[in-house]
């Protein structure tokens, strides 16, 4: 059985991060830089032309709804049921700051309790 001594360090600093050449960083900053470079490299996303089309279409729908509601039947101008309202309310973080409409989540929560 191994005894624990106050003289010996019980926790040793260990750094298993390696750069692309296999070198182990000597400082925490070097280790952080290696991690940052790794995530920068793997987080580059490639989108197809079809993805770009979907993004533009979604953006046009959202911006069209908030800018001009007189010409077509827009997504955000449709009626919704109380069940849809309650489901959306449950998925909302009521502590977040208000959006461009200036409405706080707590105001919507209070409105739901009235009905």
Protein backbone atom coordinates (compact mmCIF):
# COMPACT_ATOMS: atom_id res chain seq x y z
CA UNK A 1 0.00 0.00 0.00
CA UNK A 2 1.30 3.41 -0.93
CA UNK A 3 1.40 6.04 1.75
CA UNK A 4 0.73 9.69 1.08
CA UNK A 5 3.47 12.05 2.09
CA UNK A 6 3.04 15.77 2.60
CA UNK A 7 6.52 16.18 1.18
CA UNK A 8 5.61 14.83 -2.27
CA UNK A 9 3.37 16.81 -4.60
CA UNK A 10 0.07 15.02 -5.02
CA UNK A 11 -0.79 16.79 -8.25
CA UNK A 12 1.70 17.11 -11.04
CA UNK A 13 1.24 19.52 -13.90
CA UNK A 14 0.71 17.56 -17.09
CA UNK A 15 0.29 18.83 -20.62
CA UNK A 16 -0.48 16.28 -23.32
CA UNK A 17 -1.15 18.81 -26.06
CA UNK A 18 1.18 18.61 -29.04
CA UNK A 19 1.62 20.89 -32.01
CA UNK A 20 1.51 19.60 -35.61
CA UNK A 21 5.20 18.64 -35.37
CA UNK A 22 4.66 16.64 -32.17
CA UNK A 23 6.36 19.18 -29.91
CA UNK A 24 4.90 19.66 -26.43
CA UNK A 25 4.26 23.30 -25.47
CA UNK A 26 6.27 24.68 -22.57
CA UNK A 27 3.77 27.28 -21.38
CA UNK A 28 0.01 27.58 -20.96
CA UNK A 29 -0.03 30.30 -23.63
CA UNK A 30 1.64 28.00 -26.15
CA UNK A 31 -0.88 25.27 -25.31
CA UNK A 32 -3.78 27.72 -25.71
CA UNK A 33 -2.40 28.86 -29.07
CA UNK A 34 -2.19 25.25 -30.28
CA UNK A 35 -5.79 24.59 -29.21
CA UNK A 36 -6.93 27.82 -30.89
CA UNK A 37 -5.17 26.94 -34.14
CA UNK A 38 -6.72 23.46 -34.06
CA UNK A 39 -10.27 24.75 -33.59
CA UNK A 40 -9.75 27.44 -36.21
CA UNK A 41 -8.71 24.78 -38.68
CA UNK A 42 -11.57 22.35 -37.98
CA UNK A 43 -14.31 24.98 -37.69
CA UNK A 44 -14.08 26.16 -41.30
CA UNK A 45 -17.38 25.16 -42.85
CA UNK A 46 -17.92 24.48 -46.52
CA UNK A 47 -21.31 25.24 -48.00
CA UNK A 48 -22.65 23.96 -51.29
CA UNK A 49 -24.50 26.13 -53.80
CA UNK A 50 -27.74 24.55 -52.60
CA UNK A 51 -26.94 25.61 -49.00
CA UNK A 52 -26.41 29.17 -50.22
CA UNK A 53 -29.79 29.12 -51.97
CA UNK A 54 -31.54 27.91 -48.81
CA UNK A 55 -29.81 30.59 -46.72
CA UNK A 56 -30.80 33.38 -49.13
CA UNK A 57 -34.40 32.12 -49.31
CA UNK A 58 -34.70 31.94 -45.50
CA UNK A 59 -33.16 35.39 -45.14
CA UNK A 60 -35.56 36.84 -47.71
CA UNK A 61 -38.54 35.31 -45.91
CA UNK A 62 -37.49 36.72 -42.54
CA UNK A 63 -36.59 40.18 -43.85
CA UNK A 64 -39.71 40.30 -46.01
CA UNK A 65 -41.87 39.55 -42.98
CA UNK A 66 -40.43 42.37 -40.95
CA UNK A 67 -40.33 44.95 -43.75
CA UNK A 68 -43.45 44.62 -45.89
CA UNK A 69 -46.53 42.72 -44.82
CA UNK A 70 -49.01 44.12 -47.35
CA UNK A 71 -48.19 42.13 -50.51
CA UNK A 72 -48.18 38.46 -49.48
CA UNK A 73 -49.14 36.07 -46.69
CA UNK A 74 -45.98 36.11 -44.57
CA UNK A 75 -44.81 33.55 -42.06
CA UNK A 76 -44.98 35.84 -39.02
CA UNK A 77 -48.39 37.30 -39.89
CA UNK A 78 -50.26 33.99 -39.58
CA UNK A 79 -52.50 33.20 -36.62
CA UNK A 80 -51.27 30.65 -34.10
CA UNK A 81 -52.98 28.49 -31.49
CA UNK A 82 -52.59 28.78 -27.73
CA UNK A 83 -50.74 25.45 -27.80
CA UNK A 84 -48.21 26.86 -30.29
CA UNK A 85 -47.86 29.96 -28.11
CA UNK A 86 -47.25 27.89 -24.97
CA UNK A 87 -44.74 25.66 -26.78
CA UNK A 88 -42.84 28.73 -28.03
CA UNK A 89 -42.96 30.25 -24.55
CA UNK A 90 -41.47 27.07 -23.03
CA UNK A 91 -38.61 27.21 -25.54
CA UNK A 92 -37.86 30.87 -24.83
CA UNK A 93 -35.18 32.06 -22.42
CA UNK A 94 -37.16 34.70 -20.54
CA UNK A 95 -33.99 36.21 -19.04
CA UNK A 96 -32.58 37.32 -22.40
CA UNK A 97 -32.62 40.95 -23.43
CA UNK A 98 -35.41 42.10 -25.74
CA UNK A 99 -35.11 41.88 -29.50
CA UNK A 100 -35.70 44.67 -32.00
CA UNK A 101 -39.37 44.81 -30.99
CA UNK A 102 -38.39 45.87 -27.45
CA UNK A 103 -40.51 43.16 -25.84
CA UNK A 104 -38.93 41.39 -22.87
CA UNK A 105 -39.48 37.66 -22.37
CA UNK A 106 -40.99 38.32 -18.96
CA UNK A 107 -43.65 40.52 -20.62
CA UNK A 108 -44.65 37.63 -22.88
CA UNK A 109 -44.65 35.25 -19.91
CA UNK A 110 -46.99 37.61 -18.04
CA UNK A 111 -49.24 37.85 -21.10
CA UNK A 112 -49.50 34.06 -21.18
CA UNK A 113 -50.71 34.03 -17.55
CA UNK A 114 -53.47 36.53 -18.36
CA UNK A 115 -55.00 34.29 -21.00
